[in-house]
Amino acid sequence: MATRLPPVHALSAFEAAARLSSFAIAADELCITPSALSHRIRLLEEFVGERLFIRDGRAVTLSEFGRRYLDVVRFALRALSDFPLPHKSVAAQPRVKVTVPPTFARYLLMPHLASFAERHPDIVVEVCLSVPLYDLSLSESDVEVRFGAGKYPDMVTEKLLEEPAFPVASPAYLEKIGGIASLADLRKATLLRSALEAWQPWFEAAGLDWPEPNDTLRVDDLGLLLEAIKHGHGVGLTRQHFARQMIERGEVVQLFDIRLTAPAHAYYVVYEEAARARPEVACFIAWLLETFRGLA
């Protein structure tokens, strides 16, 4: 049976936090966010089955077990760092870990990411996915793009992109229900739902005093919602850069000229202040803002 070993990144987080008596300062030394460091400490505590620190508000002190375990960890880390590596002379390549919603990644980030690579070929970008409105922790990411209301306490938050919302449907679905020529015709349509794109604000923009639909298909991913619309499940709300290609190919059709110009949700760049001190992270944030704030 293979021997389970504690993760090295958790050991280094534990050693730094113990030496500096501060999660925040240790996180800064390791160039990660405080929440990421806390995650690593919890991971190690789960591995050893003991509490390593006693937490009292912002202050942290080693537990009795933590003091004994620290000696072992320091010995192991010292052995690793002191081992001679005659061929190691190249500095570590700078990396940026970014977490983004799936639809933003598919329709916006990936089509533009090559321009960042051309400007900064020395920086490695690692892209992870998160679910909007549900994953509200930066985890171990350096920077995150979030789709929401923009209220993220204790985080630096900058609006990245806001697009008008409008309804679309597939030609096949419109034919199936006999077409939609007026707002009143929406009553015979199935209005697809999403927590990310509520109908109520658009109803108000259209002058309709209608309640939010509550008994139709709900899809809490904007890309999947658009796929559901394309495949004829009903009428749904979307945004320009998501639906552009499908509209151009005739797979979906925009209904009416009414657009909700200031939807409740928009895309925001979210990060902890300390993360921007790293040049590669600052470069990536600047590129995001430049690229997507001016998107036509």
C-alpha atoms as a PDB file:
ATOM      1  CA  MET A   1       0.000   0.000   0.000  1.00  0.00           C
ATOM      2  CA  ALA A   2       1.341   3.426  -0.984  1.00  0.00           C
ATOM      3  CA  THR A   3       2.257   5.744   1.895  1.00  0.00           C
ATOM      4  CA  ARG A   4       0.170   8.928   2.016  1.00  0.00           C
ATOM      5  CA  LEU A   5       2.304  12.034   2.325  1.00  0.00           C
ATOM      6  CA  PRO A   6       1.147  15.506   3.354  1.00  0.00           C
ATOM      7  CA  PRO A   7       1.027  18.037   0.479  1.00  0.00           C
ATOM      8  CA  VAL A   8       4.243  20.061   0.348  1.00  0.00           C
ATOM      9  CA  HIS A   9       2.420  23.340  -0.397  1.00  0.00           C
ATOM     10  CA  ALA A  10       0.446  22.863   2.831  1.00  0.00           C
ATOM     11  CA  LEU A  11       3.633  22.156   4.789  1.00  0.00           C
ATOM     12  CA  SER A  12       5.282  25.346   3.530  1.00  0.00           C
ATOM     13  CA  ALA A  13       2.137  27.331   4.401  1.00  0.00           C
ATOM     14  CA  PHE A  14       2.180  25.860   7.919  1.00  0.00           C
ATOM     15  CA  GLU A  15       5.877  26.638   8.419  1.00  0.00           C
ATOM     16  CA  ALA A  16       5.499  30.238   7.210  1.00  0.00           C
ATOM     17  CA  ALA A  17       2.407  30.908   9.334  1.00  0.00           C
ATOM     18  CA  ALA A  18       4.096  29.431  12.421  1.00  0.00           C
ATOM     19  CA  ARG A  19       7.326  31.386  11.864  1.00  0.00           C
ATOM     20  CA  LEU A  20       5.576  34.704  11.230  1.00  0.00           C
ATOM     21  CA  SER A  21       2.643  34.199  13.644  1.00  0.00           C
ATOM     22  CA  SER A  22       0.335  35.628  10.985  1.00  0.00           C
ATOM     23  CA  PHE A  23      -1.660  34.075   8.172  1.00  0.00           C
ATOM     24  CA  ALA A  24      -1.760  37.382   6.268  1.00  0.00           C
ATOM     25  CA  ILE A  25       2.004  37.984   6.402  1.00  0.00           C
ATOM     26  CA  ALA A  26       2.715  34.342   5.569  1.00  0.00           C
ATOM     27  CA  ALA A  27       0.381  34.547   2.572  1.00  0.00           C
ATOM     28  CA  ASP A  28       2.194  37.652   1.356  1.00  0.00           C
ATOM     29  CA  GLU A  29       5.562  35.908   1.687  1.00  0.00           C
ATOM     30  CA  LEU A  30       4.295  32.916  -0.316  1.00  0.00           C
ATOM     31  CA  CYS A  31       2.624  35.176  -2.926  1.00  0.00           C
ATOM     32  CA  ILE A  32      -0.817  33.675  -2.343  1.00  0.00           C
ATOM     33  CA  THR A  33      -4.005  35.097  -0.868  1.00  0.00           C
ATOM     34  CA  PRO A  34      -4.789  34.778   2.863  1.00  0.00           C
ATOM     35  CA  SER A  35      -7.823  32.657   2.032  1.00  0.00           C
ATOM     36  CA  ALA A  36      -5.626  30.314   0.003  1.00  0.00           C
ATOM     37  CA  LEU A  37      -3.204  29.999   2.909  1.00  0.00           C
ATOM     38  CA  SER A  38      -6.075  29.239   5.305  1.00  0.00           C
ATOM     39  CA  HIS A  39      -7.279  26.579   2.886  1.00  0.00           C
ATOM     40  CA  ARG A  40      -3.828  24.955   2.904  1.00  0.00           C
ATOM     41  CA  ILE A  41      -3.672  24.987   6.712  1.00  0.00           C
ATOM     42  CA  ARG A  42      -7.110  23.357   6.916  1.00  0.00           C
ATOM     43  CA  LEU A  43      -5.995  20.751   4.392  1.00  0.00           C
ATOM     44  CA  LEU A  44      -2.975  19.886   6.546  1.00  0.00           C
ATOM     45  CA  GLU A  45      -5.049  19.802   9.738  1.00  0.00           C
ATOM     46  CA  GLU A  46      -7.433  17.366   8.067  1.00  0.00           C
ATOM     47  CA  PHE A  47      -4.458  15.248   6.999  1.00  0.00           C
ATOM     48  CA  VAL A  48      -2.884  15.029  10.478  1.00  0.00           C
ATOM     49  CA  GLY A  49      -6.210  14.926  12.299  1.00  0.00           C
ATOM     50  CA  GLU A  50      -5.139  17.605  14.779  1.00  0.00           C
ATOM     51  CA  ARG A  51      -5.459  21.350  15.168  1.00  0.00           C
ATOM     52  CA  LEU A  52      -2.191  23.074  14.330  1.00  0.00           C
ATOM     53  CA  PHE A  53      -3.174  26.573  15.415  1.00  0.00           C
ATOM     54  CA  ILE A  54      -5.344  28.120  18.074  1.00  0.00           C
ATOM     55  CA  ARG A  55      -7.260  30.955  16.463  1.00  0.00           C
ATOM     56  CA  ASP A  56      -8.362  33.950  18.511  1.00  0.00           C
ATOM     57  CA  GLY A  57      -9.792  36.537  16.145  1.00  0.00           C
ATOM     58  CA  ARG A  58      -6.937  37.616  13.877  1.00  0.00           C
ATOM     59  CA  ALA A  59      -4.263  36.224  16.212  1.00  0.00           C
ATOM     60  CA  VAL A  60      -2.969  32.680  15.708  1.00  0.00           C
ATOM     61  CA  THR A  61      -0.727  30.646  17.976  1.00  0.00           C
ATOM     62  CA  LEU A  62       0.555  27.122  17.633  1.00  0.00           C
ATOM     63  CA  SER A  63      -1.261  24.358  19.442  1.00  0.00           C
ATOM     64  CA  GLU A  64       0.771  21.902  21.508  1.00  0.00           C
ATOM     65  CA  PHE A  65       0.614  19.400  18.660  1.00  0.00           C
ATOM     66  CA  GLY A  66       1.488  22.170  16.192  1.00  0.00           C
ATOM     67  CA  ARG A  67       4.698  23.012  18.079  1.00  0.00           C
ATOM     68  CA  ARG A  68       5.841  19.395  17.987  1.00  0.00           C
ATOM     69  CA  TYR A  69       4.836  18.942  14.355  1.00  0.00           C
ATOM     70  CA  LEU A  70       6.646  22.148  13.338  1.00  0.00           C
ATOM     71  CA  ASP A  71      10.025  20.636  14.263  1.00  0.00           C
ATOM     72  CA  VAL A  72       9.365  17.669  11.977  1.00  0.00           C
ATOM     73  CA  VAL A  73       8.120  19.880   9.132  1.00  0.00           C
ATOM     74  CA  ARG A  74      11.113  22.216   9.360  1.00  0.00           C
ATOM     75  CA  PHE A  75      13.520  19.286   9.276  1.00  0.00           C
ATOM     76  CA  ALA A  76      11.788  17.866   6.179  1.00  0.00           C
ATOM     77  CA  LEU A  77      11.661  21.192   4.341  1.00  0.00           C
ATOM     78  CA  ARG A  78      15.286  21.933   5.187  1.00  0.00           C
ATOM     79  CA  ALA A  79      16.324  18.557   3.801  1.00  0.00           C
ATOM     80  CA  LEU A  80      14.491  19.287   0.571  1.00  0.00           C
ATOM     81  CA  SER A  81      15.845  22.822   0.200  1.00  0.00           C
ATOM     82  CA  ASP A  82      19.443  21.855   1.086  1.00  0.00           C
ATOM     83  CA  PHE A  83      19.628  18.958  -1.350  1.00  0.00           C
ATOM     84  CA  PRO A  84      22.071  19.983  -4.136  1.00  0.00           C
ATOM     85  CA  LEU A  85      20.506  20.550  -7.579  1.00  0.00           C
ATOM     86  CA  PRO A  86      23.485  21.166  -9.865  1.00  0.00           C
ATOM     87  CA  HIS A  87      21.423  21.726 -13.004  1.00  0.00           C
ATOM     88  CA  LYS A  88      18.863  24.104 -11.517  1.00  0.00           C
ATOM     89  CA  SER A  89      19.701  27.635 -12.606  1.00  0.00           C
ATOM     90  CA  VAL A  90      16.546  28.881 -14.336  1.00  0.00           C
ATOM     91  CA  ALA A  91      14.235  31.057 -12.269  1.00  0.00           C
ATOM     92  CA  ALA A  92      10.669  29.866 -11.807  1.00  0.00           C
ATOM     93  CA  GLN A  93       8.323  31.079 -14.545  1.00  0.00           C
ATOM     94  CA  PRO A  94       5.730  33.626 -13.355  1.00  0.00           C
ATOM     95  CA  ARG A  95       2.185  32.250 -13.288  1.00  0.00           C
ATOM     96  CA  VAL A  96      -1.298  33.705 -12.909  1.00  0.00           C
ATOM     97  CA  LYS A  97      -4.210  31.543 -11.835  1.00  0.00           C
ATOM     98  CA  VAL A  98      -7.551  33.000 -12.899  1.00  0.00           C
ATOM     99  CA  THR A  99     -11.004  31.658 -12.093  1.00  0.00           C
ATOM    100  CA  VAL A 100     -13.840  32.572 -14.463  1.00  0.00           C
ATOM    101  CA  PRO A 101     -17.448  31.548 -15.143  1.00  0.00           C
ATOM    102  CA  PRO A 102     -17.819  28.922 -17.912  1.00  0.00           C
ATOM    103  CA  THR A 103     -19.730  31.148 -20.343  1.00  0.00           C
ATOM    104  CA  PHE A 104     -17.273  34.023 -19.982  1.00  0.00           C
ATOM    105  CA  ALA A 105     -14.399  31.589 -20.509  1.00  0.00           C
ATOM    106  CA  ARG A 106     -15.932  30.081 -23.642  1.00  0.00           C
ATOM    107  CA  TYR A 107     -17.289  33.141 -25.419  1.00  0.00           C
ATOM    108  CA  LEU A 108     -15.022  35.964 -24.231  1.00  0.00           C
ATOM    109  CA  LEU A 109     -11.784  34.916 -22.535  1.00  0.00           C
ATOM    110  CA  MET A 110     -10.588  32.192 -24.895  1.00  0.00           C
ATOM    111  CA  PRO A 111     -11.158  34.195 -28.106  1.00  0.00           C
ATOM    112  CA  HIS A 112      -9.008  37.034 -26.702  1.00  0.00           C
ATOM    113  CA  LEU A 113      -6.434  35.258 -24.534  1.00  0.00           C
ATOM    114  CA  ALA A 114      -3.885  34.951 -27.349  1.00  0.00           C
ATOM    115  CA  SER A 115      -3.332  38.706 -27.238  1.00  0.00           C
ATOM    116  CA  PHE A 116      -2.176  38.436 -23.613  1.00  0.00           C
ATOM    117  CA  ALA A 117       0.205  35.623 -24.534  1.00  0.00           C
ATOM    118  CA  GLU A 118       1.643  37.745 -27.353  1.00  0.00           C
ATOM    119  CA  ARG A 119       2.300  40.663 -24.992  1.00  0.00           C
ATOM    120  CA  HIS A 120       3.589  38.551 -22.100  1.00  0.00           C
ATOM    121  CA  PRO A 121       4.998  35.283 -23.464  1.00  0.00           C
ATOM    122  CA  ASP A 122       6.902  34.724 -20.199  1.00  0.00           C
ATOM    123  CA  ILE A 123       3.730  34.540 -18.051  1.00  0.00           C
ATOM    124  CA  VAL A 124       1.858  31.248 -17.749  1.00  0.00           C
ATOM    125  CA  VAL A 125      -1.923  31.593 -17.355  1.00  0.00           C
ATOM    126  CA  GLU A 126      -3.899  28.859 -15.589  1.00  0.00           C
ATOM    127  CA  VAL A 127      -7.666  29.030 -16.165  1.00  0.00           C
ATOM    128  CA  CYS A 128     -10.148  27.435 -13.746  1.00  0.00           C
ATOM    129  CA  LEU A 129     -13.948  27.509 -13.821  1.00  0.00           C
ATOM    130  CA  SER A 130     -16.404  28.622 -11.152  1.00  0.00           C
ATOM    131  CA  VAL A 131     -20.193  28.696 -10.919  1.00  0.00           C
ATOM    132  CA  PRO A 132     -21.557  32.278 -10.684  1.00  0.00           C
ATOM    133  CA  LEU A 133     -23.419  33.171  -7.477  1.00  0.00           C
ATOM    134  CA  TYR A 134     -22.319  29.919  -5.835  1.00  0.00           C
ATOM    135  CA  ASP A 135     -18.502  29.870  -5.727  1.00  0.00           C
ATOM    136  CA  LEU A 136     -17.824  33.026  -3.716  1.00  0.00           C
ATOM    137  CA  SER A 137     -14.348  32.161  -2.464  1.00  0.00           C
ATOM    138  CA  LEU A 138     -11.154  33.065  -4.270  1.00  0.00           C
ATOM    139  CA  SER A 139      -9.759  29.701  -3.137  1.00  0.00           C
ATOM    140  CA  GLU A 140      -6.200  29.581  -4.516  1.00  0.00           C
ATOM    141  CA  SER A 141      -6.766  31.872  -7.499  1.00  0.00           C
ATOM    142  CA  ASP A 142      -4.861  35.105  -7.957  1.00  0.00           C
ATOM    143  CA  VAL A 143      -7.728  36.869  -9.698  1.00  0.00           C
ATOM    144  CA  GLU A 144     -11.334  36.033 -10.464  1.00  0.00           C
ATOM    145  CA  VAL A 145     -13.940  37.197 -12.941  1.00  0.00           C
ATOM    146  CA  ARG A 146     -17.355  37.061 -11.285  1.00  0.00           C
ATOM    147  CA  PHE A 147     -20.828  37.474 -12.716  1.00  0.00           C
ATOM    148  CA  GLY A 148     -23.031  39.093 -10.104  1.00  0.00           C
ATOM    149  CA  ALA A 149     -24.069  42.271  -8.367  1.00  0.00           C
ATOM    150  CA  GLY A 150     -20.502  43.419  -7.621  1.00  0.00           C
ATOM    151  CA  LYS A 151     -20.797  43.344  -3.825  1.00  0.00           C
ATOM    152  CA  TYR A 152     -17.815  41.386  -2.532  1.00  0.00           C
ATOM    153  CA  PRO A 153     -16.686  42.579   0.923  1.00  0.00           C
ATOM    154  CA  ASP A 154     -12.957  42.757   1.664  1.00  0.00           C
ATOM    155  CA  MET A 155     -12.097  42.304  -2.015  1.00  0.00           C
ATOM    156  CA  VAL A 156     -10.960  44.776  -4.650  1.00  0.00           C
ATOM    157  CA  THR A 157     -13.815  44.822  -7.169  1.00  0.00           C
ATOM    158  CA  GLU A 158     -13.720  46.519 -10.580  1.00  0.00           C
ATOM    159  CA  LYS A 159     -16.534  46.369 -13.122  1.00  0.00           C
ATOM    160  CA  LEU A 160     -15.306  44.667 -16.262  1.00  0.00           C
ATOM    161  CA  LEU A 161     -18.212  44.312 -18.660  1.00  0.00           C
ATOM    162  CA  GLU A 162     -21.907  45.148 -18.709  1.00  0.00           C
ATOM    163  CA  GLU A 163     -24.058  44.229 -21.677  1.00  0.00           C
ATOM    164  CA  PRO A 164     -27.758  44.723 -22.384  1.00  0.00           C
ATOM    165  CA  ALA A 165     -30.020  41.689 -22.012  1.00  0.00           C
ATOM    166  CA  PHE A 166     -32.648  40.784 -24.612  1.00  0.00           C
ATOM    167  CA  PRO A 167     -34.883  37.789 -25.455  1.00  0.00           C
ATOM    168  CA  VAL A 168     -34.100  35.307 -28.215  1.00  0.00           C
ATOM    169  CA  ALA A 169     -35.665  32.108 -29.560  1.00  0.00           C
ATOM    170  CA  SER A 170     -34.890  29.554 -32.241  1.00  0.00           C
ATOM    171  CA  PRO A 171     -36.694  29.833 -35.611  1.00  0.00           C
ATOM    172  CA  ALA A 172     -37.996  26.280 -35.168  1.00  0.00           C
ATOM    173  CA  TYR A 173     -39.532  27.129 -31.793  1.00  0.00           C
ATOM    174  CA  LEU A 174     -41.138  30.306 -33.157  1.00  0.00           C
ATOM    175  CA  GLU A 175     -42.672  28.298 -35.982  1.00  0.00           C
ATOM    176  CA  LYS A 176     -43.890  25.671 -33.538  1.00  0.00           C
ATOM    177  CA  ILE A 177     -45.856  28.198 -31.422  1.00  0.00           C
ATOM    178  CA  GLY A 178     -47.108  30.225 -34.385  1.00  0.00           C
ATOM    179  CA  GLY A 179     -44.630  33.097 -34.155  1.00  0.00           C
ATOM    180  CA  ILE A 180     -44.241  36.053 -31.797  1.00  0.00           C
ATOM    181  CA  ALA A 181     -45.281  39.359 -33.330  1.00  0.00           C
ATOM    182  CA  SER A 182     -46.115  41.349 -30.204  1.00  0.00           C
ATOM    183  CA  LEU A 183     -45.271  41.438 -26.519  1.00  0.00           C
ATOM    184  CA  ALA A 184     -48.638  39.830 -25.766  1.00  0.00           C
ATOM    185  CA  ASP A 185     -47.575  36.802 -27.833  1.00  0.00           C
ATOM    186  CA  LEU A 186     -44.953  36.010 -25.182  1.00  0.00           C
ATOM    187  CA  ARG A 187     -47.812  34.590 -23.097  1.00  0.00           C
ATOM    188  CA  LYS A 188     -47.953  31.547 -25.364  1.00  0.00           C
ATOM    189  CA  ALA A 189     -44.199  30.973 -25.089  1.00  0.00           C
ATOM    190  CA  THR A 190     -42.225  29.028 -22.525  1.00  0.00           C
ATOM    191  CA  LEU A 191     -39.986  31.554 -20.794  1.00  0.00           C
ATOM    192  CA  LEU A 192     -36.788  29.808 -19.723  1.00  0.00           C
ATOM    193  CA  ARG A 193     -35.447  30.767 -16.292  1.00  0.00           C
ATOM    194  CA  SER A 194     -32.043  31.433 -14.781  1.00  0.00           C
ATOM    195  CA  ALA A 195     -30.934  32.854 -11.440  1.00  0.00           C
ATOM    196  CA  LEU A 196     -28.310  34.710 -13.446  1.00  0.00           C
ATOM    197  CA  GLU A 197     -30.773  36.375 -15.838  1.00  0.00           C
ATOM    198  CA  ALA A 198     -34.138  37.153 -14.236  1.00  0.00           C
ATOM    199  CA  TRP A 199     -37.052  38.215 -16.446  1.00  0.00           C
ATOM    200  CA  GLN A 200     -38.526  40.829 -14.087  1.00  0.00           C
ATOM    201  CA  PRO A 201     -36.129  43.697 -14.984  1.00  0.00           C
ATOM    202  CA  TRP A 202     -36.728  43.099 -18.708  1.00  0.00           C
ATOM    203  CA  PHE A 203     -40.496  42.958 -18.161  1.00  0.00           C
ATOM    204  CA  GLU A 204     -40.287  46.377 -16.498  1.00  0.00           C
ATOM    205  CA  ALA A 205     -38.220  47.780 -19.383  1.00  0.00           C
ATOM    206  CA  ALA A 206     -40.865  46.452 -21.788  1.00  0.00           C
ATOM    207  CA  GLY A 207     -43.717  47.972 -19.763  1.00  0.00           C
ATOM    208  CA  LEU A 208     -45.092  44.588 -18.740  1.00  0.00           C
ATOM    209  CA  ASP A 209     -46.510  44.066 -15.253  1.00  0.00           C
ATOM    210  CA  TRP A 210     -45.826  40.320 -15.272  1.00  0.00           C
ATOM    211  CA  PRO A 211     -44.544  38.083 -12.467  1.00  0.00           C
ATOM    212  CA  GLU A 212     -41.282  36.166 -12.702  1.00  0.00           C
ATOM    213  CA  PRO A 213     -41.822  32.724 -14.333  1.00  0.00           C
ATOM    214  CA  ASN A 214     -41.555  29.938 -11.772  1.00  0.00           C
ATOM    215  CA  ASP A 215     -42.613  26.686 -13.440  1.00  0.00           C
ATOM    216  CA  THR A 216     -40.404  26.345 -16.512  1.00  0.00           C
ATOM    217  CA  LEU A 217     -36.965  24.903 -17.246  1.00  0.00           C
ATOM    218  CA  ARG A 218     -34.287  26.607 -15.144  1.00  0.00           C
ATOM    219  CA  VAL A 219     -30.642  26.665 -16.252  1.00  0.00           C
ATOM    220  CA  ASP A 220     -28.078  28.409 -14.033  1.00  0.00           C
ATOM    221  CA  ASP A 221     -25.360  28.683 -16.647  1.00  0.00           C
ATOM    222  CA  LEU A 222     -25.689  31.323 -19.353  1.00  0.00           C
ATOM    223  CA  GLY A 223     -23.993  29.192 -21.986  1.00  0.00           C
ATOM    224  CA  LEU A 224     -26.267  26.222 -21.316  1.00  0.00           C
ATOM    225  CA  LEU A 225     -29.255  28.557 -21.250  1.00  0.00           C
ATOM    226  CA  LEU A 226     -28.351  29.717 -24.742  1.00  0.00           C
ATOM    227  CA  GLU A 227     -28.001  26.088 -25.866  1.00  0.00           C
ATOM    228  CA  ALA A 228     -31.465  25.342 -24.458  1.00  0.00           C
ATOM    229  CA  ILE A 229     -32.852  28.268 -26.452  1.00  0.00           C
ATOM    230  CA  LYS A 230     -31.109  27.105 -29.620  1.00  0.00           C
ATOM    231  CA  HIS A 231     -32.558  23.612 -29.230  1.00  0.00           C
ATOM    232  CA  GLY A 232     -36.101  24.913 -28.998  1.00  0.00           C
ATOM    233  CA  HIS A 233     -36.914  24.633 -25.303  1.00  0.00           C
ATOM    234  CA  GLY A 234     -38.374  28.141 -25.231  1.00  0.00           C
ATOM    235  CA  VAL A 235     -37.568  31.867 -25.122  1.00  0.00           C
ATOM    236  CA  GLY A 236     -34.724  33.092 -22.951  1.00  0.00           C
ATOM    237  CA  LEU A 237     -32.686  36.172 -22.166  1.00  0.00           C
ATOM    238  CA  THR A 238     -29.120  36.477 -23.402  1.00  0.00           C
ATOM    239  CA  ARG A 239     -26.437  39.051 -24.126  1.00  0.00           C
ATOM    240  CA  GLN A 240     -24.737  40.306 -27.251  1.00  0.00           C
ATOM    241  CA  HIS A 241     -21.342  38.608 -27.131  1.00  0.00           C
ATOM    242  CA  PHE A 242     -22.793  35.265 -26.120  1.00  0.00           C
ATOM    243  CA  ALA A 243     -25.447  35.140 -28.816  1.00  0.00           C
ATOM    244  CA  ARG A 244     -23.704  37.010 -31.648  1.00  0.00           C
ATOM    245  CA  GLN A 245     -22.512  33.960 -33.590  1.00  0.00           C
ATOM    246  CA  MET A 246     -25.794  32.078 -33.165  1.00  0.00           C
ATOM    247  CA  ILE A 247     -27.723  35.134 -34.385  1.00  0.00           C
ATOM    248  CA  GLU A 248     -25.396  35.521 -37.369  1.00  0.00           C
ATOM    249  CA  ARG A 249     -25.834  31.816 -38.221  1.00  0.00           C
ATOM    250  CA  GLY A 250     -29.606  32.084 -37.841  1.00  0.00           C
ATOM    251  CA  GLU A 251     -29.728  29.579 -34.978  1.00  0.00           C
ATOM    252  CA  VAL A 252     -31.528  32.055 -32.718  1.00  0.00           C
ATOM    253  CA  VAL A 253     -33.476  35.224 -33.437  1.00  0.00           C
ATOM    254  CA  GLN A 254     -33.677  38.382 -31.328  1.00  0.00           C
ATOM    255  CA  LEU A 255     -37.234  39.251 -30.346  1.00  0.00           C
ATOM    256  CA  PHE A 256     -38.232  42.921 -30.305  1.00  0.00           C
ATOM    257  CA  ASP A 257     -35.902  45.923 -30.087  1.00  0.00           C
ATOM    258  CA  ILE A 258     -36.254  46.195 -26.319  1.00  0.00           C
ATOM    259  CA  ARG A 259     -32.985  45.732 -24.442  1.00  0.00           C
ATOM    260  CA  LEU A 260     -32.365  45.964 -20.742  1.00  0.00           C
ATOM    261  CA  THR A 261     -29.476  48.431 -20.778  1.00  0.00           C
ATOM    262  CA  ALA A 262     -28.486  48.074 -17.112  1.00  0.00           C
ATOM    263  CA  PRO A 263     -29.046  44.459 -16.017  1.00  0.00           C
ATOM    264  CA  ALA A 264     -28.792  43.541 -12.339  1.00  0.00           C
ATOM    265  CA  HIS A 265     -25.724  41.405 -12.983  1.00  0.00           C
ATOM    266  CA  ALA A 266     -22.473  42.285 -14.722  1.00  0.00           C
ATOM    267  CA  TYR A 267     -18.923  40.924 -14.912  1.00  0.00           C
ATOM    268  CA  TYR A 268     -16.414  42.075 -12.298  1.00  0.00           C
ATOM    269  CA  VAL A 269     -12.696  41.540 -11.744  1.00  0.00           C
ATOM    270  CA  VAL A 270     -12.223  40.506  -8.107  1.00  0.00           C
ATOM    271  CA  TYR A 271      -8.942  40.054  -6.244  1.00  0.00           C
ATOM    272  CA  GLU A 272      -7.234  40.643  -2.925  1.00  0.00           C
ATOM    273  CA  GLU A 273      -5.075  43.765  -2.736  1.00  0.00           C
ATOM    274  CA  ALA A 274      -1.915  41.806  -1.921  1.00  0.00           C
ATOM    275  CA  ALA A 275      -2.193  39.735  -5.104  1.00  0.00           C
ATOM    276  CA  ARG A 276      -1.734  42.792  -7.330  1.00  0.00           C
ATOM    277  CA  ALA A 277       1.727  43.392  -5.856  1.00  0.00           C
ATOM    278  CA  ARG A 278       2.968  40.547  -8.037  1.00  0.00           C
ATOM    279  CA  PRO A 279       3.881  42.004 -11.465  1.00  0.00           C
ATOM    280  CA  GLU A 280       2.390  39.102 -13.442  1.00  0.00           C
ATOM    281  CA  VAL A 281      -0.954  39.457 -11.652  1.00  0.00           C
ATOM    282  CA  ALA A 282      -0.973  43.232 -12.162  1.00  0.00           C
ATOM    283  CA  CYS A 283      -0.271  42.691 -15.881  1.00  0.00           C
ATOM    284  CA  PHE A 284      -3.151  40.251 -16.230  1.00  0.00           C
ATOM    285  CA  ILE A 285      -5.628  42.498 -14.394  1.00  0.00           C
ATOM    286  CA  ALA A 286      -4.620  45.471 -16.558  1.00  0.00           C
ATOM    287  CA  TRP A 287      -5.070  43.343 -19.695  1.00  0.00           C
ATOM    288  CA  LEU A 288      -8.526  42.181 -18.586  1.00  0.00           C
ATOM    289  CA  LEU A 289      -9.697  45.731 -17.968  1.00  0.00           C
ATOM    290  CA  GLU A 290      -8.241  47.060 -21.216  1.00  0.00           C
ATOM    291  CA  THR A 291      -9.610  44.200 -23.333  1.00  0.00           C
ATOM    292  CA  PHE A 292     -13.120  43.810 -22.024  1.00  0.00           C
ATOM    293  CA  ARG A 293     -14.044  47.331 -20.935  1.00  0.00           C
ATOM    294  CA  GLY A 294     -13.573  48.460 -24.505  1.00  0.00           C
ATOM    295  CA  LEU A 295     -15.236  45.434 -26.112  1.00  0.00           C
ATOM    296  CA  ALA A 296     -17.476  46.375 -29.033  1.00  0.00           C
END
